[in-house]
Amino acid sequence: MGNISDSSPHIIFKGALITKLILQENGYNTIERTTTDIDGDWCGTPPTMDYLVETVEKALSGFQESFYAKASREYAEGRSAGISIIEKNTDKEIASMDISIKPVIGSKIYYYGEMKINGVLPSEVLADKICVLSSNKLFRRMKDMIDVYALSNCVNINMSEILDICTKKGREIESFSALYSQKRMSNTHIISLGALRENQILKKCILI
C-alpha cells in the first residue's frame, strides 16, 4: 500500500485500515480495529482495467520477481474493480484489492510504522458509515456502529462538512429505521446501540 501511495496519486485508500490509522493517530486505543481487506477509491478519470492493473503492477517494483497483479473483477456501476496479487511460485492469491470508481472528497497521508499511506479524510469515513447505518439495507453492520462511536470520540466533528460530503457523493442520511427495528440483537448490539443513543454525532443526524 505504501508503494502504491508513492507511485500513484490516483488510488486513495479507505476502509478498516484507514479507520484504524485515524484512531491510532488520535491516540484512541480503547477499540482495536483489525482487517485483512484492502479498499480504495480511484481519483480522476475512470481508467481501463488494463491501466488499473498496470498501476498496481508498477507499485510492485522490487517484488515483481515474486508477485504479479491481475484483474479479478471488472468495475461497473455499483460494483468495484477487483485486483488480485498473485505469488508467482505457487500461483496463489496473497492479497486482494477492491477499488471503487467514485468521487474522492479529499485525502491525507497516514503513517503505518514508517510506511506512508494516502487515505480518505476522517469526515468521509464518518459520512459513509453514517449513511450505511441510517439506510434500510442495514445488515449486521456492527463494525460500523463501533467505528462511528470510536471516531466521534477522537476526531473533530463538522456535521456541515459530513452533510456536504454526502451531497457531493450522491448519498443521503436516512431515518435509521432499520437499525432500530432489528428484532434480533445480541447483548453487544444492545450495549453499542445504547452508547450510540448518547453519541453527539448521531444526535445531530436523528432525534433519538
Protein backbone atom coordinates (compact mmCIF):
# COMPACT_ATOMS: atom_id res chain seq x y z
CA MET A 1 0.00 0.00 0.00
CA GLY A 2 2.87 2.34 0.74
CA ASN A 3 4.37 1.63 -2.68
CA ILE A 4 1.03 2.34 -4.35
CA SER A 5 0.68 5.64 -2.47
CA ASP A 6 4.23 6.59 -3.52
CA SER A 7 3.79 5.60 -7.17
CA SER A 8 0.20 6.63 -7.94
CA PRO A 9 -1.77 9.68 -6.81
CA HIS A 10 -4.94 8.12 -8.25
CA ILE A 11 -5.55 5.41 -5.61
CA ILE A 12 -6.81 6.72 -2.27
CA PHE A 13 -7.17 4.08 0.40
CA LYS A 14 -10.20 3.76 2.68
CA GLY A 15 -11.85 1.06 4.75
CA ALA A 16 -10.90 -0.60 8.01
CA LEU A 17 -7.15 0.07 7.82
CA ILE A 18 -7.64 3.82 7.37
CA THR A 19 -10.16 3.81 10.22
CA LYS A 20 -7.56 2.06 12.38
CA LEU A 21 -4.88 4.60 11.43
CA ILE A 22 -7.20 7.53 12.22
CA LEU A 23 -7.88 6.08 15.67
CA GLN A 24 -4.18 5.45 16.29
CA GLU A 25 -3.23 8.93 15.09
CA ASN A 26 -5.62 10.42 17.63
CA GLY A 27 -4.47 8.20 20.49
CA TYR A 28 -7.72 6.25 20.71
CA ASN A 29 -6.73 2.72 21.73
CA THR A 30 -9.90 1.66 23.52
CA ILE A 31 -11.04 -0.30 20.45
CA GLU A 32 -8.62 -2.39 18.36
CA ARG A 33 -9.58 -2.42 14.66
CA THR A 34 -8.31 -5.41 12.65
CA THR A 35 -8.66 -6.15 8.95
CA THR A 36 -7.22 -8.12 6.06
CA ASP A 37 -9.10 -6.18 3.37
CA ILE A 38 -7.54 -3.54 1.10
CA ASP A 39 -10.08 -0.98 -0.14
CA GLY A 40 -9.55 2.14 -2.18
CA ASP A 41 -11.12 4.73 -4.47
CA TRP A 42 -9.80 5.79 -7.86
CA CYS A 43 -9.39 9.56 -8.03
CA GLY A 44 -9.57 11.05 -11.53
CA THR A 45 -10.72 9.94 -14.96
CA PRO A 46 -12.03 6.35 -14.81
CA PRO A 47 -9.24 4.05 -16.02
CA THR A 48 -9.38 0.98 -18.20
CA MET A 49 -8.93 -2.27 -16.30
CA ASP A 50 -5.59 -2.78 -18.05
CA TYR A 51 -4.36 0.59 -16.78
CA LEU A 52 -5.62 -0.16 -13.28
CA VAL A 53 -3.71 -3.46 -13.20
CA GLU A 54 -0.65 -1.73 -14.66
CA THR A 55 -0.78 0.88 -11.90
CA VAL A 56 -0.73 -1.82 -9.21
CA GLU A 57 1.99 -3.72 -11.09
CA LYS A 58 4.24 -0.65 -11.05
CA ALA A 59 3.83 -0.46 -7.28
CA LEU A 60 5.24 -3.99 -7.05
CA SER A 61 8.58 -2.70 -8.31
CA GLY A 62 11.29 -4.63 -6.49
CA PHE A 63 8.92 -7.54 -5.86
CA GLN A 64 7.99 -8.36 -9.46
CA GLU A 65 10.16 -11.48 -9.48
CA SER A 66 7.88 -12.94 -6.81
CA PHE A 67 4.47 -11.37 -7.40
CA TYR A 68 2.19 -10.06 -10.12
CA ALA A 69 -1.20 -8.34 -10.29
CA LYS A 70 -4.23 -9.41 -12.28
CA ALA A 71 -7.83 -8.32 -12.62
CA SER A 72 -10.31 -10.49 -10.71
CA ARG A 73 -13.41 -8.37 -11.34
CA GLU A 74 -14.21 -5.56 -13.75
CA TYR A 75 -15.84 -2.48 -12.31
CA ALA A 76 -19.31 -1.31 -13.26
CA GLU A 77 -21.98 0.96 -11.82
CA GLY A 78 -22.39 -0.02 -8.19
CA ARG A 79 -19.52 -2.53 -8.38
CA SER A 80 -15.86 -2.04 -7.52
CA ALA A 81 -12.92 -3.37 -9.50
CA GLY A 82 -11.11 -6.37 -8.06
CA ILE A 83 -7.33 -6.74 -8.27
CA SER A 84 -5.51 -9.84 -7.04
CA ILE A 85 -1.85 -10.00 -6.04
CA ILE A 86 -0.54 -13.43 -7.02
CA GLU A 87 2.58 -15.25 -5.85
CA LYS A 88 4.37 -16.49 -8.96
CA ASN A 89 5.84 -19.67 -7.47
CA THR A 90 2.54 -21.00 -6.15
CA ASP A 91 0.07 -19.08 -8.34
CA LYS A 92 -1.90 -18.36 -5.14
CA GLU A 93 -3.58 -15.10 -4.27
CA ILE A 94 -1.82 -13.47 -1.32
CA ALA A 95 -3.83 -10.24 -1.27
CA SER A 96 -6.83 -8.67 -2.95
CA MET A 97 -7.87 -5.08 -3.54
CA ASP A 98 -11.31 -3.59 -4.11
CA ILE A 99 -11.08 -0.29 -5.97
CA SER A 100 -14.22 1.79 -6.45
CA ILE A 101 -14.50 4.38 -9.20
CA LYS A 102 -16.11 7.10 -7.09
CA PRO A 103 -15.57 10.78 -6.31
CA VAL A 104 -12.93 11.39 -3.64
CA ILE A 105 -13.54 14.45 -1.49
CA GLY A 106 -10.01 14.77 -0.15
CA SER A 107 -7.09 12.80 1.18
CA LYS A 108 -4.23 12.93 3.65
CA ILE A 109 -1.12 10.95 4.50
CA TYR A 110 -1.31 8.44 7.33
CA TYR A 111 1.62 6.54 8.80
CA TYR A 112 1.66 2.79 9.37
CA GLY A 113 5.02 2.44 11.05
CA GLU A 114 7.36 4.10 8.56
CA MET A 115 5.02 3.43 5.65
CA LYS A 116 3.12 6.41 4.20
CA ILE A 117 -0.42 5.65 3.04
CA ASN A 118 -2.64 8.08 1.16
CA GLY A 119 -6.13 7.74 2.64
CA VAL A 120 -9.52 9.41 2.72
CA LEU A 121 -10.33 12.09 5.29
CA PRO A 122 -11.96 11.19 8.64
CA SER A 123 -15.12 13.12 7.69
CA GLU A 124 -15.53 10.99 4.57
CA VAL A 125 -15.16 7.80 6.62
CA LEU A 126 -17.85 9.05 9.00
CA ALA A 127 -20.15 10.14 6.18
CA ASP A 128 -20.00 6.71 4.52
CA LYS A 129 -20.59 4.82 7.76
CA ILE A 130 -23.45 7.03 8.92
CA CYS A 131 -25.17 6.60 5.54
CA VAL A 132 -24.86 2.82 5.86
CA LEU A 133 -26.21 2.80 9.41
CA SER A 134 -29.13 5.06 8.51
CA SER A 135 -30.23 3.09 5.45
CA ASN A 136 -32.95 0.46 5.11
CA LYS A 137 -30.40 -2.01 3.76
CA LEU A 138 -28.73 -2.47 7.12
CA PHE A 139 -27.38 -5.99 7.61
CA ARG A 140 -25.20 -6.92 10.56
CA ARG A 141 -23.20 -3.67 10.42
CA MET A 142 -21.97 -3.94 13.99
CA LYS A 143 -18.49 -2.81 12.98
CA ASP A 144 -19.86 0.44 11.54
CA MET A 145 -21.69 1.17 14.80
CA ILE A 146 -18.46 0.70 16.74
CA ASP A 147 -16.41 2.72 14.24
CA VAL A 148 -18.77 5.72 14.36
CA TYR A 149 -18.74 5.63 18.14
CA ALA A 150 -14.92 5.44 18.29
CA LEU A 151 -14.26 8.06 15.61
CA SER A 152 -16.70 10.57 17.08
CA ASN A 153 -14.87 10.29 20.39
CA CYS A 154 -11.45 11.17 19.00
CA VAL A 155 -11.78 13.43 15.92
CA ASN A 156 -13.30 16.87 15.44
CA ILE A 157 -16.81 16.57 14.04
CA ASN A 158 -18.11 19.04 11.49
CA MET A 159 -21.66 18.00 10.70
CA SER A 160 -21.97 20.53 7.88
CA GLU A 161 -18.89 19.01 6.26
CA ILE A 162 -20.31 15.49 6.61
CA LEU A 163 -23.62 16.53 5.04
CA ASP A 164 -21.73 18.29 2.23
CA ILE A 165 -19.72 15.12 1.55
CA CYS A 166 -22.95 13.11 1.37
CA THR A 167 -24.34 15.57 -1.18
CA LYS A 168 -21.19 15.51 -3.32
CA LYS A 169 -21.14 11.71 -3.32
CA GLY A 170 -24.85 11.43 -4.08
CA ARG A 171 -25.63 9.78 -0.74
CA GLU A 172 -28.26 10.52 1.88
CA ILE A 173 -28.54 10.15 5.62
CA GLU A 174 -31.83 8.31 6.09
CA SER A 175 -34.05 7.61 9.11
CA PHE A 176 -32.09 4.82 10.89
CA SER A 177 -35.39 2.89 11.00
CA ALA A 178 -33.80 -0.46 10.06
CA LEU A 179 -31.19 -0.05 12.79
CA TYR A 180 -33.80 0.48 15.50
CA SER A 181 -36.30 -2.10 14.25
CA GLN A 182 -33.94 -5.09 14.25
CA LYS A 183 -35.71 -7.89 16.09
CA ARG A 184 -32.59 -9.93 16.67
CA MET A 185 -29.87 -8.10 18.52
CA SER A 186 -27.12 -9.60 20.65
CA ASN A 187 -26.26 -8.11 24.04
CA THR A 188 -23.25 -6.46 22.39
CA HIS A 189 -25.53 -4.84 19.80
CA ILE A 190 -27.85 -3.55 22.51
CA ILE A 191 -24.97 -2.11 24.54
CA SER A 192 -23.48 -0.44 21.45
CA LEU A 193 -26.85 0.93 20.40
CA GLY A 194 -27.30 2.37 23.86
CA ALA A 195 -23.92 4.08 23.62
CA LEU A 196 -24.82 5.45 20.20
CA ARG A 197 -28.05 6.93 21.59
CA GLU A 198 -25.85 9.19 23.72
CA ASN A 199 -23.42 9.87 20.89
CA GLN A 200 -23.38 13.54 19.92
CA ILE A 201 -22.81 12.97 16.21
CA LEU A 202 -25.88 10.76 15.80
CA LYS A 203 -27.98 13.16 17.85
CA LYS A 204 -27.31 15.68 15.09
CA CYS A 205 -28.43 13.19 12.43
CA ILE A 206 -31.64 12.00 14.02
CA LEU A 207 -33.84 12.71 17.02
CA ILE A 208 -33.40 9.57 19.14
